[in-house]
C-alpha cells in the first residue's frame, strides 16, 4: 500500500530538517537536556541498589 522508497525519503527529509535547525536554537537544547536528564533519572530508578 505504501511505497518503501517514499517513506525512506520522507524520513530522511524530516531528519535533515531537524538537523538544519542547528544547535543555536535554545529551545531544542533545553528540550534535549530535559529529555537526557529524565532518561538518566529513569535508569537510576531501574538499577537495583545494593543494600548495606
N, C-alpha and C. Protein backbone atom coordinates (compact mmCIF):
# COMPACT_ATOMS: atom_id res chain seq x y z
N UNK A 1 0.82 -1.19 0.00
CA UNK A 1 0.00 0.00 0.00
C UNK A 1 0.87 1.26 0.00
N UNK A 2 1.94 1.26 0.82
CA UNK A 2 2.84 2.40 0.87
C UNK A 2 4.14 2.05 0.16
N UNK A 3 4.69 3.04 -0.52
CA UNK A 3 5.93 2.85 -1.24
C UNK A 3 7.09 2.99 -0.25
N UNK A 4 7.94 1.97 -0.15
CA UNK A 4 9.06 1.98 0.78
C UNK A 4 10.04 3.12 0.50
N UNK A 5 10.29 3.40 -0.76
CA UNK A 5 11.22 4.47 -1.11
C UNK A 5 10.67 5.83 -0.69
N UNK A 6 9.37 6.01 -0.82
CA UNK A 6 8.77 7.29 -0.43
C UNK A 6 8.86 7.48 1.07
N UNK A 7 8.63 6.42 1.84
CA UNK A 7 8.73 6.54 3.29
C UNK A 7 10.15 6.84 3.73
N UNK A 8 11.13 6.23 3.07
CA UNK A 8 12.52 6.50 3.39
C UNK A 8 12.88 7.94 3.07
N UNK A 9 12.40 8.43 1.97
CA UNK A 9 12.67 9.82 1.58
C UNK A 9 12.05 10.79 2.58
N UNK A 10 10.82 10.52 2.99
CA UNK A 10 10.16 11.40 3.95
C UNK A 10 10.89 11.37 5.30
N UNK A 11 11.31 10.20 5.74
CA UNK A 11 12.04 10.10 7.00
C UNK A 11 13.36 10.85 6.95
N UNK A 12 14.08 10.70 5.86
CA UNK A 12 15.35 11.41 5.71
C UNK A 12 15.15 12.91 5.64
N UNK A 13 14.09 13.33 4.98
CA UNK A 13 13.79 14.76 4.88
C UNK A 13 13.48 15.36 6.24
N UNK A 14 12.75 14.61 7.07
CA UNK A 14 12.43 15.09 8.40
C UNK A 14 13.68 15.23 9.26
N UNK A 15 14.57 14.25 9.17
CA UNK A 15 15.81 14.31 9.93
C UNK A 15 16.68 15.47 9.45
N UNK A 16 16.71 15.70 8.16
CA UNK A 16 17.51 16.80 7.63
C UNK A 16 16.95 18.15 8.07
N UNK A 17 15.63 18.25 8.14
CA UNK A 17 15.01 19.49 8.58
C UNK A 17 15.35 19.77 10.04
N UNK A 18 15.29 18.74 10.90
CA UNK A 18 15.63 18.93 12.30
C UNK A 18 17.10 19.27 12.46
N UNK A 19 17.96 18.63 11.66
CA UNK A 19 19.39 18.92 11.75
C UNK A 19 19.68 20.34 11.28
N UNK A 20 18.89 20.85 10.34
CA UNK A 20 19.13 22.18 9.80
C UNK A 20 18.79 23.27 10.80
N UNK A 21 17.99 22.95 11.84
CA UNK A 21 17.68 23.99 12.82
C UNK A 21 18.92 24.38 13.60
N UNK A 22 19.83 23.43 13.79
CA UNK A 22 21.12 23.72 14.39
C UNK A 22 21.06 23.91 15.89
N UNK A 23 22.23 23.86 16.52
CA UNK A 23 22.30 23.98 17.98
C UNK A 23 22.06 25.41 18.48
N UNK A 24 21.99 26.38 17.60
CA UNK A 24 21.80 27.76 18.04
C UNK A 24 20.38 28.01 18.55
N UNK A 25 19.47 27.09 18.27
CA UNK A 25 18.10 27.24 18.73
C UNK A 25 18.02 26.77 20.17
N UNK A 26 17.85 27.69 21.09
CA UNK A 26 17.88 27.40 22.52
C UNK A 26 16.78 26.44 22.94
N UNK A 27 15.62 26.53 22.33
CA UNK A 27 14.51 25.65 22.71
C UNK A 27 14.88 24.19 22.52
N UNK A 28 15.53 23.85 21.41
CA UNK A 28 15.91 22.45 21.17
C UNK A 28 16.94 21.98 22.18
N UNK A 29 17.85 22.85 22.56
CA UNK A 29 18.85 22.47 23.56
C UNK A 29 18.20 22.22 24.91
N UNK A 30 17.23 23.05 25.28
CA UNK A 30 16.53 22.87 26.56
C UNK A 30 15.74 21.57 26.54
N UNK A 31 15.03 21.31 25.44
CA UNK A 31 14.25 20.07 25.34
C UNK A 31 15.15 18.84 25.37
N UNK A 32 16.27 18.90 24.68
CA UNK A 32 17.19 17.76 24.66
C UNK A 32 17.80 17.52 26.03
N UNK A 33 18.18 18.58 26.73
CA UNK A 33 18.76 18.39 28.06
C UNK A 33 17.73 17.85 29.03
N UNK A 34 16.49 18.32 28.95
CA UNK A 34 15.44 17.79 29.81
C UNK A 34 15.22 16.30 29.54
N UNK A 35 15.20 15.91 28.28
CA UNK A 35 14.99 14.51 27.93
C UNK A 35 16.14 13.64 28.44
N UNK A 36 17.37 14.11 28.32
CA UNK A 36 18.52 13.34 28.81
C UNK A 36 18.51 13.20 30.33
N UNK A 37 18.14 14.27 31.02
CA UNK A 37 18.07 14.20 32.48
C UNK A 37 16.96 13.24 32.91
N UNK A 38 15.81 13.31 32.25
CA UNK A 38 14.71 12.41 32.57
C UNK A 38 15.08 10.95 32.30
N UNK A 39 15.77 10.70 31.20
CA UNK A 39 16.19 9.33 30.88
C UNK A 39 17.20 8.83 31.92
N UNK A 40 18.12 9.68 32.34
CA UNK A 40 19.08 9.29 33.36
C UNK A 40 18.40 8.98 34.69
N UNK A 41 17.41 9.78 35.06
CA UNK A 41 16.68 9.54 36.30
C UNK A 41 15.90 8.23 36.23
N UNK A 42 15.34 7.93 35.07
CA UNK A 42 14.60 6.67 34.90
C UNK A 42 15.53 5.47 35.02
N UNK A 43 16.71 5.57 34.45
CA UNK A 43 17.68 4.47 34.54
C UNK A 43 18.12 4.27 35.98
N UNK A 44 18.33 5.37 36.72
CA UNK A 44 18.72 5.25 38.13
C UNK A 44 17.64 4.56 38.94
N UNK A 45 16.38 4.77 38.62
CA UNK A 45 15.29 4.12 39.35
C UNK A 45 15.22 2.63 39.02
N UNK A 46 15.61 2.26 37.81
CA UNK A 46 15.51 0.87 37.38
C UNK A 46 16.63 0.01 37.98
N UNK A 47 17.85 0.57 38.06
CA UNK A 47 19.01 -0.19 38.52
C UNK A 47 18.84 -0.53 40.00
N UNK A 48 18.95 -1.81 40.36
CA UNK A 48 18.80 -2.19 41.77
C UNK A 48 19.96 -1.65 42.62
N UNK A 49 19.63 -1.23 43.83
CA UNK A 49 20.63 -0.70 44.72
C UNK A 49 21.16 -1.79 45.65
N UNK A 50 22.42 -1.69 45.98
CA UNK A 50 23.00 -2.64 46.93
C UNK A 50 22.63 -2.18 48.33
N UNK A 51 21.98 -3.05 49.08
CA UNK A 51 21.57 -2.70 50.43
C UNK A 51 22.65 -3.11 51.42
N UNK A 52 22.99 -2.18 52.29
CA UNK A 52 24.08 -2.44 53.24
C UNK A 52 23.61 -3.18 54.47
